[in-house]
Amino acid sequence: VWLKYVPGISFRTDNEPFKMAMQRFTEKIVGMM
């Protein structure tokens, strides 16, 4: 839910704050694997 309150965010579209957060988590999981 904290993701909703990242300034300027809009989910699942060409939105830089969302893409940054999504990429960071995806890289976290892939890195662990």
PDB file of all heavy atoms in Angstrom:
ATOM      1  N   VAL A   1       0.822  -1.207   0.000  1.00  0.00           N
ATOM      2  CA  VAL A   1       0.000   0.000   0.000  1.00  0.00           C
ATOM      3  C   VAL A   1       0.860   1.263   0.000  1.00  0.00           C
ATOM      4  O   VAL A   1       0.460   2.295  -0.553  1.00  0.00           O
ATOM      5  CB  VAL A   1      -0.976  -0.020   1.198  1.00  0.00           C
ATOM      6  CG1 VAL A   1      -1.686   1.316   1.362  1.00  0.00           C
ATOM      7  CG2 VAL A   1      -2.013  -1.135   0.999  1.00  0.00           C
ATOM      8  N   TRP A   2       2.063   1.182   0.565  1.00  0.00           N
ATOM      9  CA  TRP A   2       2.922   2.379   0.562  1.00  0.00           C
ATOM     10  C   TRP A   2       3.236   2.848  -0.856  1.00  0.00           C
ATOM     11  O   TRP A   2       3.541   4.033  -1.081  1.00  0.00           O
ATOM     12  CB  TRP A   2       4.209   2.153   1.356  1.00  0.00           C
ATOM     13  CG  TRP A   2       5.095   1.021   0.892  1.00  0.00           C
ATOM     14  CD1 TRP A   2       5.202  -0.211   1.458  1.00  0.00           C
ATOM     15  CD2 TRP A   2       6.020   1.024  -0.214  1.00  0.00           C
ATOM     16  NE1 TRP A   2       6.115  -0.985   0.775  1.00  0.00           N
ATOM     17  CE2 TRP A   2       6.639  -0.243  -0.253  1.00  0.00           C
ATOM     18  CE3 TRP A   2       6.383   1.962  -1.167  1.00  0.00           C
ATOM     19  CZ2 TRP A   2       7.586  -0.599  -1.211  1.00  0.00           C
ATOM     20  CZ3 TRP A   2       7.337   1.625  -2.137  1.00  0.00           C
ATOM     21  CH2 TRP A   2       7.931   0.363  -2.143  1.00  0.00           C
ATOM     22  N   LEU A   3       3.165   1.926  -1.817  1.00  0.00           N
ATOM     23  CA  LEU A   3       3.475   2.288  -3.197  1.00  0.00           C
ATOM     24  C   LEU A   3       2.513   3.357  -3.720  1.00  0.00           C
ATOM     25  O   LEU A   3       2.904   4.215  -4.526  1.00  0.00           O
ATOM     26  CB  LEU A   3       3.396   1.030  -4.072  1.00  0.00           C
ATOM     27  CG  LEU A   3       3.939   1.128  -5.503  1.00  0.00           C
ATOM     28  CD1 LEU A   3       5.449   1.318  -5.489  1.00  0.00           C
ATOM     29  CD2 LEU A   3       3.576  -0.133  -6.287  1.00  0.00           C
ATOM     30  N   LYS A   4       1.283   3.315  -3.259  1.00  0.00           N
ATOM     31  CA  LYS A   4       0.272   4.295  -3.687  1.00  0.00           C
ATOM     32  C   LYS A   4       0.680   5.718  -3.329  1.00  0.00           C
ATOM     33  O   LYS A   4       0.278   6.681  -4.009  1.00  0.00           O
ATOM     34  CB  LYS A   4      -1.071   3.942  -3.031  1.00  0.00           C
ATOM     35  CG  LYS A   4      -2.200   4.961  -3.206  1.00  0.00           C
ATOM     36  CD  LYS A   4      -3.452   4.495  -2.475  1.00  0.00           C
ATOM     37  CE  LYS A   4      -4.507   5.583  -2.355  1.00  0.00           C
ATOM     38  NZ  LYS A   4      -5.156   5.889  -3.631  1.00  0.00           N
ATOM     39  N   TYR A   5       1.499   5.869  -2.297  1.00  0.00           N
ATOM     40  CA  TYR A   5       1.831   7.194  -1.781  1.00  0.00           C
ATOM     41  C   TYR A   5       3.221   7.670  -2.200  1.00  0.00           C
ATOM     42  O   TYR A   5       3.711   8.678  -1.678  1.00  0.00           O
ATOM     43  CB  TYR A   5       1.661   7.198  -0.263  1.00  0.00           C
ATOM     44  CG  TYR A   5       0.227   6.874   0.091  1.00  0.00           C
ATOM     45  CD1 TYR A   5      -0.144   5.583   0.477  1.00  0.00           C
ATOM     46  CD2 TYR A   5      -0.768   7.828  -0.044  1.00  0.00           C
ATOM     47  CE1 TYR A   5      -1.465   5.272   0.749  1.00  0.00           C
ATOM     48  CE2 TYR A   5      -2.101   7.525   0.224  1.00  0.00           C
ATOM     49  CZ  TYR A   5      -2.437   6.245   0.617  1.00  0.00           C
ATOM     50  OH  TYR A   5      -3.758   5.940   0.862  1.00  0.00           O
ATOM     51  N   VAL A   6       3.839   6.971  -3.135  1.00  0.00           N
ATOM     52  CA  VAL A   6       5.061   7.489  -3.751  1.00  0.00           C
ATOM     53  C   VAL A   6       4.679   8.701  -4.597  1.00  0.00           C
ATOM     54  O   VAL A   6       3.761   8.620  -5.421  1.00  0.00           O
ATOM     55  CB  VAL A   6       5.739   6.409  -4.622  1.00  0.00           C
ATOM     56  CG1 VAL A   6       6.893   7.008  -5.413  1.00  0.00           C
ATOM     57  CG2 VAL A   6       6.221   5.249  -3.750  1.00  0.00           C
ATOM     58  N   PRO A   7       5.332   9.850  -4.404  1.00  0.00           N
ATOM     59  CA  PRO A   7       4.932  11.067  -5.136  1.00  0.00           C
ATOM     60  C   PRO A   7       4.923  10.867  -6.652  1.00  0.00           C
ATOM     61  O   PRO A   7       5.869  10.316  -7.229  1.00  0.00           O
ATOM     62  CB  PRO A   7       5.995  12.089  -4.718  1.00  0.00           C
ATOM     63  CG  PRO A   7       6.451  11.622  -3.368  1.00  0.00           C
ATOM     64  CD  PRO A   7       6.413  10.119  -3.439  1.00  0.00           C
ATOM     65  N   GLY A   8       3.827  11.276  -7.267  1.00  0.00           N
ATOM     66  CA  GLY A   8       3.725  11.264  -8.721  1.00  0.00           C
ATOM     67  C   GLY A   8       3.467   9.911  -9.350  1.00  0.00           C
ATOM     68  O   GLY A   8       3.525   9.777 -10.578  1.00  0.00           O
ATOM     69  N   ILE A   9       3.122   8.914  -8.534  1.00  0.00           N
ATOM     70  CA  ILE A   9       3.024   7.555  -9.073  1.00  0.00           C
ATOM     71  C   ILE A   9       1.672   7.294  -9.724  1.00  0.00           C
ATOM     72  O   ILE A   9       0.642   7.851  -9.337  1.00  0.00           O
ATOM     73  CB  ILE A   9       3.297   6.505  -7.975  1.00  0.00           C
ATOM     74  CG1 ILE A   9       3.749   5.178  -8.597  1.00  0.00           C
ATOM     75  CG2 ILE A   9       2.057   6.296  -7.091  1.00  0.00           C
ATOM     76  CD1 ILE A   9       4.411   4.239  -7.621  1.00  0.00           C
ATOM     77  N   SER A  10       1.689   6.459 -10.736  1.00  0.00           N
ATOM     78  CA  SER A  10       0.494   5.892 -11.352  1.00  0.00           C
ATOM     79  C   SER A  10       0.830   4.457 -11.707  1.00  0.00           C
ATOM     80  O   SER A  10       1.824   4.199 -12.396  1.00  0.00           O
ATOM     81  CB  SER A  10       0.085   6.684 -12.600  1.00  0.00           C
ATOM     82  OG  SER A  10      -1.107   6.163 -13.156  1.00  0.00           O
ATOM     83  N   PHE A  11       0.015   3.506 -11.239  1.00  0.00           N
ATOM     84  CA  PHE A  11       0.349   2.091 -11.370  1.00  0.00           C
ATOM     85  C   PHE A  11       0.227   1.604 -12.814  1.00  0.00           C
ATOM     86  O   PHE A  11      -0.669   2.005 -13.548  1.00  0.00           O
ATOM     87  CB  PHE A  11      -0.585   1.230 -10.498  1.00  0.00           C
ATOM     88  CG  PHE A  11      -0.357   1.343  -9.016  1.00  0.00           C
ATOM     89  CD1 PHE A  11       0.575   2.207  -8.483  1.00  0.00           C
ATOM     90  CD2 PHE A  11      -1.102   0.562  -8.135  1.00  0.00           C
ATOM     91  CE1 PHE A  11       0.772   2.303  -7.110  1.00  0.00           C
ATOM     92  CE2 PHE A  11      -0.923   0.647  -6.769  1.00  0.00           C
ATOM     93  CZ  PHE A  11       0.017   1.511  -6.253  1.00  0.00           C
ATOM     94  N   ARG A  12       1.145   0.718 -13.186  1.00  0.00           N
ATOM     95  CA  ARG A  12       1.049  -0.119 -14.378  1.00  0.00           C
ATOM     96  C   ARG A  12       0.880   0.702 -15.668  1.00  0.00           C
ATOM     97  O   ARG A  12       0.086   0.360 -16.534  1.00  0.00           O
ATOM     98  CB  ARG A  12      -0.093  -1.133 -14.243  1.00  0.00           C
ATOM     99  CG  ARG A  12       0.005  -2.001 -13.005  1.00  0.00           C
ATOM    100  CD  ARG A  12      -1.120  -3.006 -12.941  1.00  0.00           C
ATOM    101  NE  ARG A  12      -0.932  -4.088 -13.888  1.00  0.00           N
ATOM    102  CZ  ARG A  12      -1.898  -4.901 -14.305  1.00  0.00           C
ATOM    103  NH1 ARG A  12      -3.143  -4.693 -13.890  1.00  0.00           N
ATOM    104  NH2 ARG A  12      -1.645  -5.863 -15.167  1.00  0.00           N
ATOM    105  N   THR A  13       1.659   1.746 -15.779  1.00  0.00           N
ATOM    106  CA  THR A  13       1.661   2.532 -17.006  1.00  0.00           C
ATOM    107  C   THR A  13       3.036   3.160 -17.156  1.00  0.00           C
ATOM    108  O   THR A  13       3.923   2.956 -16.314  1.00  0.00           O
ATOM    109  CB  THR A  13       0.547   3.588 -17.002  1.00  0.00           C
ATOM    110  OG1 THR A  13       0.472   4.217 -18.280  1.00  0.00           O
ATOM    111  CG2 THR A  13       0.758   4.629 -15.916  1.00  0.00           C
ATOM    112  N   ASP A  14       3.222   3.942 -18.209  1.00  0.00           N
ATOM    113  CA  ASP A  14       4.526   4.526 -18.503  1.00  0.00           C
ATOM    114  C   ASP A  14       4.778   5.691 -17.554  1.00  0.00           C
ATOM    115  O   ASP A  14       4.722   6.862 -17.930  1.00  0.00           O
ATOM    116  CB  ASP A  14       4.563   4.991 -19.960  1.00  0.00           C
ATOM    117  CG  ASP A  14       5.978   5.324 -20.421  1.00  0.00           C
ATOM    118  OD1 ASP A  14       6.928   5.014 -19.673  1.00  0.00           O
ATOM    119  OD2 ASP A  14       6.124   5.909 -21.511  1.00  0.00           O
ATOM    120  N   ASN A  15       5.049   5.332 -16.305  1.00  0.00           N
ATOM    121  CA  ASN A  15       5.193   6.289 -15.223  1.00  0.00           C
ATOM    122  C   ASN A  15       6.520   6.015 -14.522  1.00  0.00           C
ATOM    123  O   ASN A  15       6.749   4.908 -14.031  1.00  0.00           O
ATOM    124  CB  ASN A  15       4.008   6.134 -14.260  1.00  0.00           C
ATOM    125  CG  ASN A  15       4.162   6.929 -12.990  1.00  0.00           C
ATOM    126  OD1 ASN A  15       4.687   6.430 -11.994  1.00  0.00           O
ATOM    127  ND2 ASN A  15       3.693   8.164 -12.999  1.00  0.00           N
ATOM    128  N   GLU A  16       7.390   6.993 -14.480  1.00  0.00           N
ATOM    129  CA  GLU A  16       8.746   6.768 -13.985  1.00  0.00           C
ATOM    130  C   GLU A  16       8.796   6.322 -12.528  1.00  0.00           C
ATOM    131  O   GLU A  16       9.521   5.378 -12.199  1.00  0.00           O
ATOM    132  CB  GLU A  16       9.601   8.024 -14.199  1.00  0.00           C
ATOM    133  CG  GLU A  16       9.957   8.277 -15.654  1.00  0.00           C
ATOM    134  CD  GLU A  16      10.661   7.095 -16.301  1.00  0.00           C
ATOM    135  OE1 GLU A  16      11.547   6.483 -15.641  1.00  0.00           O
ATOM    136  OE2 GLU A  16      10.328   6.768 -17.458  1.00  0.00           O
ATOM    137  N   PRO A  17       8.054   6.953 -11.594  1.00  0.00           N
ATOM    138  CA  PRO A  17       8.115   6.459 -10.209  1.00  0.00           C
ATOM    139  C   PRO A  17       7.687   5.001 -10.083  1.00  0.00           C
ATOM    140  O   PRO A  17       8.305   4.238  -9.337  1.00  0.00           O
ATOM    141  CB  PRO A  17       7.153   7.401  -9.467  1.00  0.00           C
ATOM    142  CG  PRO A  17       7.160   8.656 -10.263  1.00  0.00           C
ATOM    143  CD  PRO A  17       7.283   8.209 -11.691  1.00  0.00           C
ATOM    144  N   PHE A  18       6.643   4.612 -10.841  1.00  0.00           N
ATOM    145  CA  PHE A  18       6.205   3.218 -10.758  1.00  0.00           C
ATOM    146  C   PHE A  18       7.253   2.286 -11.362  1.00  0.00           C
ATOM    147  O   PHE A  18       7.584   1.244 -10.779  1.00  0.00           O
ATOM    148  CB  PHE A  18       4.869   3.020 -11.460  1.00  0.00           C
ATOM    149  CG  PHE A  18       4.405   1.584 -11.451  1.00  0.00           C
ATOM    150  CD1 PHE A  18       3.893   1.022 -10.297  1.00  0.00           C
ATOM    151  CD2 PHE A  18       4.516   0.787 -12.584  1.00  0.00           C
ATOM    152  CE1 PHE A  18       3.496  -0.309 -10.269  1.00  0.00           C
ATOM    153  CE2 PHE A  18       4.123  -0.534 -12.566  1.00  0.00           C
ATOM    154  CZ  PHE A  18       3.608  -1.090 -11.399  1.00  0.00           C
ATOM    155  N   LYS A  19       7.777   2.650 -12.511  1.00  0.00           N
ATOM    156  CA  LYS A  19       8.752   1.783 -13.174  1.00  0.00           C
ATOM    157  C   LYS A  19      10.008   1.624 -12.317  1.00  0.00           C
ATOM    158  O   LYS A  19      10.592   0.531 -12.257  1.00  0.00           O
ATOM    159  CB  LYS A  19       9.098   2.328 -14.554  1.00  0.00           C
ATOM    160  CG  LYS A  19       7.939   2.237 -15.546  1.00  0.00           C
ATOM    161  CD  LYS A  19       8.366   2.492 -16.987  1.00  0.00           C
ATOM    162  CE  LYS A  19       8.872   3.871 -17.216  1.00  0.00           C
ATOM    163  NZ  LYS A  19       9.202   4.120 -18.642  1.00  0.00           N
ATOM    164  N   MET A  20      10.426   2.700 -11.652  1.00  0.00           N
ATOM    165  CA  MET A  20      11.607   2.602 -10.786  1.00  0.00           C
ATOM    166  C   MET A  20      11.368   1.626  -9.649  1.00  0.00           C
ATOM    167  O   MET A  20      12.218   0.774  -9.348  1.00  0.00           O
ATOM    168  CB  MET A  20      11.960   3.985 -10.236  1.00  0.00           C
ATOM    169  CG  MET A  20      12.572   4.936 -11.245  1.00  0.00           C
ATOM    170  SD  MET A  20      12.879   6.574 -10.520  1.00  0.00           S
ATOM    171  CE  MET A  20      14.034   6.153  -9.207  1.00  0.00           C
ATOM    172  N   ALA A  21      10.204   1.729  -8.999  1.00  0.00           N
ATOM    173  CA  ALA A  21       9.900   0.834  -7.878  1.00  0.00           C
ATOM    174  C   ALA A  21       9.753  -0.603  -8.357  1.00  0.00           C
ATOM    175  O   ALA A  21      10.255  -1.540  -7.721  1.00  0.00           O
ATOM    176  CB  ALA A  21       8.626   1.299  -7.183  1.00  0.00           C
ATOM    177  N   MET A  22       9.068  -0.795  -9.482  1.00  0.00           N
ATOM    178  CA  MET A  22       8.856  -2.137 -10.020  1.00  0.00           C
ATOM    179  C   MET A  22      10.187  -2.777 -10.412  1.00  0.00           C
ATOM    180  O   MET A  22      10.435  -3.956 -10.112  1.00  0.00           O
ATOM    181  CB  MET A  22       7.933  -2.063 -11.230  1.00  0.00           C
ATOM    182  CG  MET A  22       7.792  -3.373 -11.986  1.00  0.00           C
ATOM    183  SD  MET A  22       6.690  -3.199 -13.396  1.00  0.00           S
ATOM    184  CE  MET A  22       7.008  -4.734 -14.266  1.00  0.00           C
ATOM    185  N   GLN A  23      11.054  -2.005 -11.070  1.00  0.00           N
ATOM    186  CA  GLN A  23      12.346  -2.560 -11.492  1.00  0.00           C
ATOM    187  C   GLN A  23      13.199  -2.918 -10.284  1.00  0.00           C
ATOM    188  O   GLN A  23      13.851  -3.977 -10.269  1.00  0.00           O
ATOM    189  CB  GLN A  23      13.083  -1.567 -12.385  1.00  0.00           C
ATOM    190  CG  GLN A  23      14.434  -2.099 -12.886  1.00  0.00           C
ATOM    191  CD  GLN A  23      15.034  -1.233 -13.968  1.00  0.00           C
ATOM    192  OE1 GLN A  23      14.412  -0.284 -14.448  1.00  0.00           O
ATOM    193  NE2 GLN A  23      16.255  -1.548 -14.376  1.00  0.00           N
ATOM    194  N   ARG A  24      13.183  -2.062  -9.280  1.00  0.00           N
ATOM    195  CA  ARG A  24      13.990  -2.330  -8.090  1.00  0.00           C
ATOM    196  C   ARG A  24      13.564  -3.633  -7.424  1.00  0.00           C
ATOM    197  O   ARG A  24      14.417  -4.458  -7.044  1.00  0.00           O
ATOM    198  CB  ARG A  24      13.856  -1.155  -7.120  1.00  0.00           C
ATOM    199  CG  ARG A  24      14.657  -1.301  -5.840  1.00  0.00           C
ATOM    200  CD  ARG A  24      14.657  -0.005  -5.038  1.00  0.00           C
ATOM    201  NE  ARG A  24      13.314   0.529  -4.890  1.00  0.00           N
ATOM    202  CZ  ARG A  24      12.441   0.105  -3.978  1.00  0.00           C
ATOM    203  NH1 ARG A  24      12.761  -0.888  -3.165  1.00  0.00           N
ATOM    204  NH2 ARG A  24      11.241   0.655  -3.883  1.00  0.00           N
ATOM    205  N   PHE A  25      12.241  -3.866  -7.300  1.00  0.00           N
ATOM    206  CA  PHE A  25      11.795  -5.105  -6.661  1.00  0.00           C
ATOM    207  C   PHE A  25      12.084  -6.312  -7.548  1.00  0.00           C
ATOM    208  O   PHE A  25      12.522  -7.361  -7.057  1.00  0.00           O
ATOM    209  CB  PHE A  25      10.304  -5.042  -6.345  1.00  0.00           C
ATOM    210  CG  PHE A  25       9.796  -6.280  -5.669  1.00  0.00           C
ATOM    211  CD1 PHE A  25      10.105  -6.543  -4.344  1.00  0.00           C
ATOM    212  CD2 PHE A  25       9.031  -7.212  -6.363  1.00  0.00           C
ATOM    213  CE1 PHE A  25       9.659  -7.699  -3.713  1.00  0.00           C
ATOM    214  CE2 PHE A  25       8.582  -8.366  -5.749  1.00  0.00           C
ATOM    215  CZ  PHE A  25       8.889  -8.609  -4.420  1.00  0.00           C
ATOM    216  N   THR A  26      11.853  -6.187  -8.856  1.00  0.00           N
ATOM    217  CA  THR A  26      12.131  -7.297  -9.765  1.00  0.00           C
ATOM    218  C   THR A  26      13.605  -7.670  -9.714  1.00  0.00           C
ATOM    219  O   THR A  26      13.966  -8.858  -9.655  1.00  0.00           O
ATOM    220  CB  THR A  26      11.720  -6.929 -11.203  1.00  0.00           C
ATOM    221  OG1 THR A  26      10.335  -6.567 -11.216  1.00  0.00           O
ATOM    222  CG2 THR A  26      11.940  -8.096 -12.145  1.00  0.00           C
ATOM    223  N   GLU A  27      14.481  -6.666  -9.707  1.00  0.00           N
ATOM    224  CA  GLU A  27      15.923  -6.931  -9.625  1.00  0.00           C
ATOM    225  C   GLU A  27      16.281  -7.578  -8.294  1.00  0.00           C
ATOM    226  O   GLU A  27      17.169  -8.436  -8.233  1.00  0.00           O
ATOM    227  CB  GLU A  27      16.698  -5.627  -9.807  1.00  0.00           C
ATOM    228  CG  GLU A  27      16.665  -5.092 -11.235  1.00  0.00           C
ATOM    229  CD  GLU A  27      17.348  -3.737 -11.375  1.00  0.00           C
ATOM    230  OE1 GLU A  27      17.580  -3.087 -10.321  1.00  0.00           O
ATOM    231  OE2 GLU A  27      17.627  -3.328 -12.513  1.00  0.00           O
ATOM    232  N   LYS A  28      15.586  -7.174  -7.239  1.00  0.00           N
ATOM    233  CA  LYS A  28      15.824  -7.778  -5.929  1.00  0.00           C
ATOM    234  C   LYS A  28      15.536  -9.280  -5.976  1.00  0.00           C
ATOM    235  O   LYS A  28      16.357 -10.095  -5.515  1.00  0.00           O
ATOM    236  CB  LYS A  28      14.934  -7.101  -4.888  1.00  0.00           C
ATOM    237  CG  LYS A  28      14.881  -7.779  -3.530  1.00  0.00           C
ATOM    238  CD  LYS A  28      16.127  -7.531  -2.730  1.00  0.00           C
ATOM    239  CE  LYS A  28      15.994  -8.092  -1.317  1.00  0.00           C
ATOM    240  NZ  LYS A  28      17.230  -7.880  -0.518  1.00  0.00           N
ATOM    241  N   ILE A  29      14.390  -9.657  -6.537  1.00  0.00           N
ATOM    242  CA  ILE A  29      14.009 -11.073  -6.588  1.00  0.00           C
ATOM    243  C   ILE A  29      14.943 -11.852  -7.509  1.00  0.00           C
ATOM    244  O   ILE A  29      15.440 -12.928  -7.150  1.00  0.00           O
ATOM    245  CB  ILE A  29      12.543 -11.217  -7.037  1.00  0.00           C
ATOM    246  CG1 ILE A  29      11.604 -10.560  -6.021  1.00  0.00           C
ATOM    247  CG2 ILE A  29      12.183 -12.686  -7.230  1.00  0.00           C
ATOM    248  CD1 ILE A  29      11.691 -11.119  -4.621  1.00  0.00           C
ATOM    249  N   VAL A  30      15.209 -11.323  -8.694  1.00  0.00           N
ATOM    250  CA  VAL A  30      16.103 -12.019  -9.625  1.00  0.00           C
ATOM    251  C   VAL A  30      17.489 -12.165  -9.014  1.00  0.00           C
ATOM    252  O   VAL A  30      18.126 -13.226  -9.128  1.00  0.00           O
ATOM    253  CB  VAL A  30      16.155 -11.277 -10.973  1.00  0.00           C
ATOM    254  CG1 VAL A  30      17.285 -11.825 -11.848  1.00  0.00           C
ATOM    255  CG2 VAL A  30      14.825 -11.391 -11.700  1.00  0.00           C
ATOM    256  N   GLY A  31      17.972 -11.126  -8.336  1.00  0.00           N
ATOM    257  CA  GLY A  31      19.277 -11.208  -7.696  1.00  0.00           C
ATOM    258  C   GLY A  31      19.323 -12.294  -6.636  1.00  0.00           C
ATOM    259  O   GLY A  31      20.315 -13.035  -6.530  1.00  0.00           O
ATOM    260  N   MET A  32      18.259 -12.423  -5.849  1.00  0.00           N
ATOM    261  CA  MET A  32      18.209 -13.487  -4.843  1.00  0.00           C
ATOM    262  C   MET A  32      18.243 -14.862  -5.488  1.00  0.00           C
ATOM    263  O   MET A  32      18.923 -15.773  -5.017  1.00  0.00           O
ATOM    264  CB  MET A  32      16.943 -13.339  -4.002  1.00  0.00           C
ATOM    265  CG  MET A  32      16.934 -12.137  -3.082  1.00  0.00           C
ATOM    266  SD  MET A  32      15.375 -11.980  -2.162  1.00  0.00           S
ATOM    267  CE  MET A  32      15.407 -13.462  -1.162  1.00  0.00           C
ATOM    268  N   MET A  33      17.500 -15.013  -6.585  1.00  0.00           N
ATOM    269  CA  MET A  33      17.484 -16.303  -7.283  1.00  0.00           C
ATOM    270  C   MET A  33      18.873 -16.643  -7.828  1.00  0.00           C
ATOM    271  O   MET A  33      19.344 -17.789  -7.724  1.00  0.00           O
ATOM    272  CB  MET A  33      16.467 -16.280  -8.418  1.00  0.00           C
ATOM    273  CG  MET A  33      15.018 -16.013  -8.017  1.00  0.00           C
ATOM    274  SD  MET A  33      14.340 -17.175  -6.817  1.00  0.00           S
ATOM    275  CE  MET A  33      14.236 -16.119  -5.356  1.00  0.00           C
TER     276      MET A  33
END
